[in-house]
Amino acid sequence: MRFVQPLSSETQSLLERIYRFSKKHETRQKARCILLSNKGTTINQLVLIFDVHLNTIYNWLNEWESRKLLSLYTKKGQGRKSLLGDDKIEEIKKIVEDSPKELKTVVSKISEKYGIEISTSTLKRYLKKN
């Protein structure tokens, strides 16, 4: 059996607040997992509670041991990378300015120029973000 090291009352109250008010679901799950492990919940019980793989629970606990509160949040750079990098924003804006009402034409020009297949909705999200 593996549990986290006993938590101070300050850390417990902070984890409770994170569990209740964090916007990210994964952050709330990790905080609750740490709290339950501190109370003596076994790894197998945590697997059933969170409906995740056994290795995921071990990863959460190992990260907690090494990084403490920072382990609850996703590191920068994780997740899928953008199809259209930030280096292409100016060129894409110029293409869109040429024909702002015809996004299908813009998408085909981007496909020809960069060899990247994207949808019009992806292009809209990219332009809103940038």
N, C-alpha and C. Protein backbone atom coordinates (compact mmCIF):
# COMPACT_ATOMS: atom_id res chain seq x y z
N MET A 1 0.84 -1.19 0.00
CA MET A 1 0.00 0.00 0.00
C MET A 1 0.88 1.24 0.00
N ARG A 2 0.40 2.25 -0.69
CA ARG A 2 1.15 3.49 -0.80
C ARG A 2 0.23 4.65 -0.51
N PHE A 3 0.70 5.56 0.31
CA PHE A 3 -0.05 6.76 0.65
C PHE A 3 0.88 7.95 0.55
N VAL A 4 0.33 9.14 0.44
CA VAL A 4 1.16 10.34 0.48
C VAL A 4 1.60 10.57 1.92
N GLN A 5 2.68 11.30 2.07
CA GLN A 5 3.13 11.63 3.42
C GLN A 5 2.08 12.50 4.09
N PRO A 6 1.96 12.43 5.40
CA PRO A 6 0.94 13.23 6.09
C PRO A 6 1.02 14.71 5.73
N LEU A 7 -0.15 15.30 5.49
CA LEU A 7 -0.23 16.69 5.06
C LEU A 7 -0.51 17.60 6.24
N SER A 8 0.06 18.80 6.18
CA SER A 8 -0.23 19.78 7.22
C SER A 8 -1.67 20.27 7.04
N SER A 9 -2.21 20.89 8.07
CA SER A 9 -3.59 21.38 7.99
C SER A 9 -3.72 22.48 6.94
N GLU A 10 -2.66 23.30 6.77
CA GLU A 10 -2.68 24.35 5.76
C GLU A 10 -2.75 23.74 4.36
N THR A 11 -1.94 22.72 4.12
CA THR A 11 -1.93 22.06 2.82
C THR A 11 -3.27 21.39 2.55
N GLN A 12 -3.84 20.77 3.57
CA GLN A 12 -5.15 20.13 3.40
C GLN A 12 -6.22 21.15 3.04
N SER A 13 -6.23 22.28 3.72
CA SER A 13 -7.25 23.30 3.42
C SER A 13 -7.04 23.88 2.02
N LEU A 14 -5.79 24.05 1.61
CA LEU A 14 -5.50 24.55 0.27
C LEU A 14 -5.96 23.54 -0.79
N LEU A 15 -5.69 22.26 -0.55
CA LEU A 15 -6.14 21.22 -1.48
C LEU A 15 -7.66 21.15 -1.55
N GLU A 16 -8.31 21.35 -0.41
CA GLU A 16 -9.78 21.38 -0.39
C GLU A 16 -10.31 22.52 -1.25
N ARG A 17 -9.68 23.69 -1.12
CA ARG A 17 -10.10 24.85 -1.92
C ARG A 17 -9.88 24.59 -3.41
N ILE A 18 -8.73 24.01 -3.74
CA ILE A 18 -8.44 23.69 -5.14
C ILE A 18 -9.46 22.68 -5.66
N TYR A 19 -9.76 21.68 -4.84
CA TYR A 19 -10.72 20.66 -5.24
C TYR A 19 -12.11 21.25 -5.48
N ARG A 20 -12.50 22.21 -4.71
CA ARG A 20 -13.84 22.77 -4.83
C ARG A 20 -13.95 23.85 -5.91
N PHE A 21 -12.89 24.63 -6.12
CA PHE A 21 -13.05 25.83 -6.94
C PHE A 21 -12.20 25.89 -8.20
N SER A 22 -11.33 24.93 -8.45
CA SER A 22 -10.50 24.99 -9.64
C SER A 22 -11.36 24.84 -10.90
N LYS A 23 -10.97 25.54 -11.95
CA LYS A 23 -11.72 25.47 -13.20
C LYS A 23 -11.42 24.19 -13.98
N LYS A 24 -10.24 23.65 -13.80
CA LYS A 24 -9.82 22.47 -14.55
C LYS A 24 -10.22 21.19 -13.83
N HIS A 25 -10.88 20.31 -14.57
CA HIS A 25 -11.34 19.04 -14.01
C HIS A 25 -10.16 18.17 -13.52
N GLU A 26 -9.12 18.09 -14.32
CA GLU A 26 -7.97 17.26 -13.95
C GLU A 26 -7.31 17.77 -12.67
N THR A 27 -7.23 19.07 -12.51
CA THR A 27 -6.65 19.65 -11.29
C THR A 27 -7.49 19.28 -10.08
N ARG A 28 -8.81 19.37 -10.22
CA ARG A 28 -9.70 18.98 -9.11
C ARG A 28 -9.53 17.51 -8.77
N GLN A 29 -9.42 16.65 -9.79
CA GLN A 29 -9.25 15.22 -9.54
C GLN A 29 -7.96 14.93 -8.79
N LYS A 30 -6.87 15.54 -9.22
CA LYS A 30 -5.58 15.31 -8.57
C LYS A 30 -5.61 15.77 -7.12
N ALA A 31 -6.21 16.92 -6.87
CA ALA A 31 -6.28 17.44 -5.50
C ALA A 31 -7.08 16.48 -4.63
N ARG A 32 -8.20 16.00 -5.13
CA ARG A 32 -9.03 15.07 -4.36
C ARG A 32 -8.30 13.75 -4.13
N CYS A 33 -7.56 13.30 -5.13
CA CYS A 33 -6.79 12.05 -4.99
C CYS A 33 -5.76 12.17 -3.87
N ILE A 34 -5.08 13.29 -3.81
CA ILE A 34 -4.08 13.51 -2.76
C ILE A 34 -4.76 13.53 -1.40
N LEU A 35 -5.90 14.21 -1.31
CA LEU A 35 -6.63 14.27 -0.05
C LEU A 35 -7.10 12.88 0.40
N LEU A 36 -7.64 12.11 -0.52
CA LEU A 36 -8.11 10.77 -0.17
C LEU A 36 -6.96 9.85 0.21
N SER A 37 -5.84 9.97 -0.49
CA SER A 37 -4.68 9.16 -0.14
C SER A 37 -4.17 9.52 1.24
N ASN A 38 -4.23 10.78 1.58
CA ASN A 38 -3.83 11.24 2.91
C ASN A 38 -4.73 10.65 3.99
N LYS A 39 -6.01 10.43 3.65
CA LYS A 39 -6.95 9.87 4.62
C LYS A 39 -6.88 8.35 4.70
N GLY A 40 -6.04 7.72 3.86
CA GLY A 40 -5.86 6.28 3.95
C GLY A 40 -6.56 5.46 2.88
N THR A 41 -7.05 6.10 1.85
CA THR A 41 -7.69 5.38 0.75
C THR A 41 -6.61 4.65 -0.05
N THR A 42 -6.83 3.38 -0.35
CA THR A 42 -5.82 2.59 -1.06
C THR A 42 -5.80 2.95 -2.54
N ILE A 43 -4.72 2.53 -3.20
CA ILE A 43 -4.56 2.79 -4.63
C ILE A 43 -5.70 2.16 -5.42
N ASN A 44 -6.05 0.92 -5.09
CA ASN A 44 -7.13 0.23 -5.83
C ASN A 44 -8.47 0.95 -5.66
N GLN A 45 -8.72 1.48 -4.48
CA GLN A 45 -9.94 2.24 -4.27
C GLN A 45 -9.92 3.54 -5.08
N LEU A 46 -8.75 4.19 -5.14
CA LEU A 46 -8.62 5.43 -5.92
C LEU A 46 -8.85 5.15 -7.41
N VAL A 47 -8.36 4.01 -7.89
CA VAL A 47 -8.58 3.64 -9.28
C VAL A 47 -10.08 3.55 -9.57
N LEU A 48 -10.82 2.95 -8.67
CA LEU A 48 -12.27 2.82 -8.85
C LEU A 48 -12.98 4.17 -8.73
N ILE A 49 -12.55 4.99 -7.80
CA ILE A 49 -13.18 6.30 -7.59
C ILE A 49 -13.01 7.20 -8.81
N PHE A 50 -11.78 7.27 -9.33
CA PHE A 50 -11.47 8.20 -10.42
C PHE A 50 -11.61 7.58 -11.80
N ASP A 51 -11.80 6.26 -11.85
CA ASP A 51 -11.96 5.56 -13.12
C ASP A 51 -10.79 5.83 -14.07
N VAL A 52 -9.59 5.70 -13.52
CA VAL A 52 -8.36 5.86 -14.30
C VAL A 52 -7.50 4.62 -14.11
N HIS A 53 -6.44 4.52 -14.89
CA HIS A 53 -5.53 3.39 -14.79
C HIS A 53 -4.69 3.49 -13.52
N LEU A 54 -4.27 2.34 -13.05
CA LEU A 54 -3.44 2.25 -11.85
C LEU A 54 -2.19 3.12 -11.97
N ASN A 55 -1.57 3.10 -13.15
CA ASN A 55 -0.35 3.89 -13.36
C ASN A 55 -0.62 5.39 -13.24
N THR A 56 -1.81 5.80 -13.61
CA THR A 56 -2.16 7.23 -13.50
C THR A 56 -2.15 7.67 -12.04
N ILE A 57 -2.71 6.86 -11.17
CA ILE A 57 -2.71 7.19 -9.75
C ILE A 57 -1.28 7.25 -9.22
N TYR A 58 -0.47 6.25 -9.58
CA TYR A 58 0.94 6.28 -9.16
C TYR A 58 1.65 7.52 -9.68
N ASN A 59 1.37 7.89 -10.93
CA ASN A 59 1.99 9.10 -11.49
C ASN A 59 1.58 10.34 -10.71
N TRP A 60 0.29 10.44 -10.36
CA TRP A 60 -0.19 11.59 -9.59
C TRP A 60 0.51 11.66 -8.24
N LEU A 61 0.63 10.51 -7.57
CA LEU A 61 1.25 10.49 -6.24
C LEU A 61 2.75 10.78 -6.33
N ASN A 62 3.43 10.22 -7.33
CA ASN A 62 4.86 10.48 -7.50
C ASN A 62 5.11 11.95 -7.81
N GLU A 63 4.28 12.52 -8.69
CA GLU A 63 4.42 13.94 -9.00
C GLU A 63 4.19 14.79 -7.75
N TRP A 64 3.21 14.40 -6.94
CA TRP A 64 2.94 15.14 -5.69
C TRP A 64 4.16 15.12 -4.79
N GLU A 65 4.79 13.96 -4.67
CA GLU A 65 5.98 13.84 -3.82
C GLU A 65 7.12 14.72 -4.31
N SER A 66 7.26 14.86 -5.61
CA SER A 66 8.39 15.63 -6.14
C SER A 66 8.09 17.12 -6.33
N ARG A 67 6.86 17.47 -6.76
CA ARG A 67 6.57 18.85 -7.13
C ARG A 67 5.53 19.53 -6.26
N LYS A 68 4.91 18.81 -5.34
CA LYS A 68 3.88 19.32 -4.43
C LYS A 68 2.75 20.01 -5.21
N LEU A 69 2.40 21.24 -4.90
CA LEU A 69 1.23 21.89 -5.49
C LEU A 69 1.35 22.10 -7.00
N LEU A 70 2.57 22.26 -7.49
CA LEU A 70 2.75 22.44 -8.92
C LEU A 70 2.34 21.21 -9.71
N SER A 71 2.36 20.05 -9.06
CA SER A 71 2.00 18.81 -9.76
C SER A 71 0.52 18.76 -10.12
N LEU A 72 -0.29 19.59 -9.50
CA LEU A 72 -1.72 19.57 -9.79
C LEU A 72 -2.06 20.21 -11.13
N TYR A 73 -1.17 21.06 -11.62
CA TYR A 73 -1.44 21.82 -12.83
C TYR A 73 -0.66 21.26 -14.01
N THR A 74 -1.23 21.39 -15.18
CA THR A 74 -0.62 20.92 -16.41
C THR A 74 0.61 21.78 -16.73
N LYS A 75 1.68 21.11 -17.09
CA LYS A 75 2.90 21.82 -17.45
C LYS A 75 2.72 22.51 -18.80
N LYS A 76 3.45 23.59 -19.00
CA LYS A 76 3.40 24.29 -20.26
C LYS A 76 3.97 23.40 -21.35
N GLY A 77 3.32 23.40 -22.50
CA GLY A 77 3.81 22.62 -23.63
C GLY A 77 3.16 21.26 -23.76
N GLN A 78 2.31 20.88 -22.82
CA GLN A 78 1.61 19.61 -22.95
C GLN A 78 0.38 19.81 -23.82
N GLY A 79 -0.03 18.76 -24.46
CA GLY A 79 -1.21 18.83 -25.32
C GLY A 79 -0.82 18.93 -26.78
N ARG A 80 -1.81 18.93 -27.61
CA ARG A 80 -1.58 18.95 -29.04
C ARG A 80 -1.05 20.31 -29.49
N LYS A 81 -0.08 20.28 -30.36
CA LYS A 81 0.49 21.50 -30.90
C LYS A 81 -0.36 22.01 -32.06
N SER A 82 -0.35 23.29 -32.27
CA SER A 82 -1.14 23.91 -33.31
C SER A 82 -0.65 23.48 -34.69
N LEU A 83 -1.59 23.24 -35.59
CA LEU A 83 -1.22 22.94 -36.97
C LEU A 83 -0.58 24.14 -37.63
N LEU A 84 -1.08 25.31 -37.30
CA LEU A 84 -0.55 26.57 -37.83
C LEU A 84 0.28 27.22 -36.74
N GLY A 85 1.57 27.20 -36.88
CA GLY A 85 2.44 27.76 -35.85
C GLY A 85 2.31 29.27 -35.74
N ASP A 86 2.83 29.81 -34.66
CA ASP A 86 2.77 31.26 -34.44
C ASP A 86 3.64 32.02 -35.44
N ASP A 87 4.57 31.33 -36.06
CA ASP A 87 5.46 32.00 -37.02
C ASP A 87 4.74 32.33 -38.33
N LYS A 88 3.60 31.74 -38.58
CA LYS A 88 2.88 31.94 -39.84
C LYS A 88 1.73 32.95 -39.73
N ILE A 89 1.53 33.53 -38.57
CA ILE A 89 0.35 34.36 -38.34
C ILE A 89 0.26 35.56 -39.28
N GLU A 90 1.35 36.25 -39.52
CA GLU A 90 1.32 37.44 -40.37
C GLU A 90 0.97 37.08 -41.80
N GLU A 91 1.56 36.00 -42.31
CA GLU A 91 1.29 35.58 -43.69
C GLU A 91 -0.16 35.14 -43.84
N ILE A 92 -0.68 34.44 -42.86
CA ILE A 92 -2.06 33.97 -42.92
C ILE A 92 -3.02 35.15 -42.83
N LYS A 93 -2.71 36.14 -42.00
CA LYS A 93 -3.55 37.33 -41.92
C LYS A 93 -3.62 38.05 -43.27
N LYS A 94 -2.48 38.10 -44.00
CA LYS A 94 -2.46 38.74 -45.31
C LYS A 94 -3.33 37.98 -46.31
N ILE A 95 -3.27 36.65 -46.23
CA ILE A 95 -4.10 35.83 -47.12
C ILE A 95 -5.58 36.06 -46.82
N VAL A 96 -5.92 36.16 -45.55
CA VAL A 96 -7.31 36.38 -45.15
C VAL A 96 -7.78 37.77 -45.56
N GLU A 97 -6.91 38.77 -45.47
CA GLU A 97 -7.28 40.14 -45.86
C GLU A 97 -7.61 40.22 -47.35
N ASP A 98 -6.96 39.38 -48.16
CA ASP A 98 -7.23 39.39 -49.60
C ASP A 98 -8.65 38.92 -49.91
N SER A 99 -9.14 37.93 -49.17
CA SER A 99 -10.51 37.44 -49.39
C SER A 99 -11.14 37.04 -48.06
N PRO A 100 -11.55 38.03 -47.25
CA PRO A 100 -12.06 37.74 -45.91
C PRO A 100 -13.41 37.02 -45.88
N LYS A 101 -14.20 37.13 -46.95
CA LYS A 101 -15.53 36.50 -46.98
C LYS A 101 -15.49 35.08 -47.53
N GLU A 102 -14.36 34.66 -48.09
CA GLU A 102 -14.26 33.35 -48.72
C GLU A 102 -13.21 32.50 -47.99
N LEU A 103 -13.60 31.97 -46.85
CA LEU A 103 -12.65 31.21 -46.04
C LEU A 103 -12.23 29.90 -46.69
N LYS A 104 -13.10 29.33 -47.52
CA LYS A 104 -12.71 28.09 -48.22
C LYS A 104 -11.56 28.36 -49.18
N THR A 105 -11.58 29.52 -49.79
CA THR A 105 -10.48 29.90 -50.68
C THR A 105 -9.20 30.10 -49.87
N VAL A 106 -9.33 30.73 -48.72
CA VAL A 106 -8.17 30.95 -47.84
C VAL A 106 -7.58 29.61 -47.40
N VAL A 107 -8.46 28.67 -47.03
CA VAL A 107 -8.01 27.35 -46.59
C VAL A 107 -7.26 26.65 -47.71
N SER A 108 -7.76 26.75 -48.95
CA SER A 108 -7.08 26.09 -50.07
C SER A 108 -5.72 26.75 -50.35
N LYS A 109 -5.65 28.09 -50.21
CA LYS A 109 -4.36 28.77 -50.39
C LYS A 109 -3.35 28.35 -49.33
N ILE A 110 -3.81 28.22 -48.08
CA ILE A 110 -2.93 27.78 -46.99
C ILE A 110 -2.47 26.36 -47.26
N SER A 111 -3.37 25.53 -47.77
CA SER A 111 -3.04 24.14 -48.07
C SER A 111 -1.97 24.07 -49.16
N GLU A 112 -2.11 24.92 -50.18
CA GLU A 112 -1.13 24.94 -51.27
C GLU A 112 0.23 25.45 -50.77
N LYS A 113 0.19 26.51 -49.98
CA LYS A 113 1.44 27.16 -49.56
C LYS A 113 2.21 26.34 -48.52
N TYR A 114 1.50 25.80 -47.52
CA TYR A 114 2.17 25.12 -46.42
C TYR A 114 2.00 23.60 -46.42
N GLY A 115 1.10 23.09 -47.26
CA GLY A 115 0.87 21.65 -47.30
C GLY A 115 0.15 21.14 -46.05
N ILE A 116 -0.67 22.01 -45.45
CA ILE A 116 -1.39 21.67 -44.22
C ILE A 116 -2.87 21.66 -44.52
N GLU A 117 -3.55 20.57 -44.22
CA GLU A 117 -4.99 20.48 -44.41
C GLU A 117 -5.69 20.92 -43.12
N ILE A 118 -6.46 22.02 -43.20
CA ILE A 118 -7.22 22.49 -42.04
C ILE A 118 -8.65 22.77 -42.48
N SER A 119 -9.54 22.89 -41.52
CA SER A 119 -10.93 23.22 -41.81
C SER A 119 -11.13 24.72 -41.62
N THR A 120 -12.28 25.20 -42.09
CA THR A 120 -12.58 26.62 -41.92
C THR A 120 -12.77 26.96 -40.44
N SER A 121 -13.33 26.01 -39.68
CA SER A 121 -13.52 26.29 -38.25
C SER A 121 -12.17 26.37 -37.52
N THR A 122 -11.19 25.56 -37.94
CA THR A 122 -9.85 25.65 -37.36
C THR A 122 -9.23 27.00 -37.69
N LEU A 123 -9.42 27.45 -38.91
CA LEU A 123 -8.90 28.76 -39.32
C LEU A 123 -9.54 29.88 -38.50
N LYS A 124 -10.85 29.79 -38.27
CA LYS A 124 -11.54 30.80 -37.47
C LYS A 124 -10.99 30.84 -36.04
N ARG A 125 -10.81 29.66 -35.43
CA ARG A 125 -10.27 29.61 -34.07
C ARG A 125 -8.86 30.20 -34.02
N TYR A 126 -8.06 29.87 -35.01
CA TYR A 126 -6.69 30.37 -35.08
C TYR A 126 -6.67 31.90 -35.19
N LEU A 127 -7.54 32.43 -36.02
CA LEU A 127 -7.59 33.89 -36.19
C LEU A 127 -8.12 34.58 -34.95
N LYS A 128 -9.12 33.99 -34.27
CA LYS A 128 -9.62 34.59 -33.03
C LYS A 128 -8.53 34.61 -31.96
N LYS A 129 -7.79 33.51 -31.88
CA LYS A 129 -6.74 33.39 -30.86
C LYS A 129 -5.63 34.40 -31.11
N ASN A 130 -5.31 34.62 -32.36
CA ASN A 130 -4.19 35.50 -32.70
C ASN A 130 -4.69 36.82 -33.21
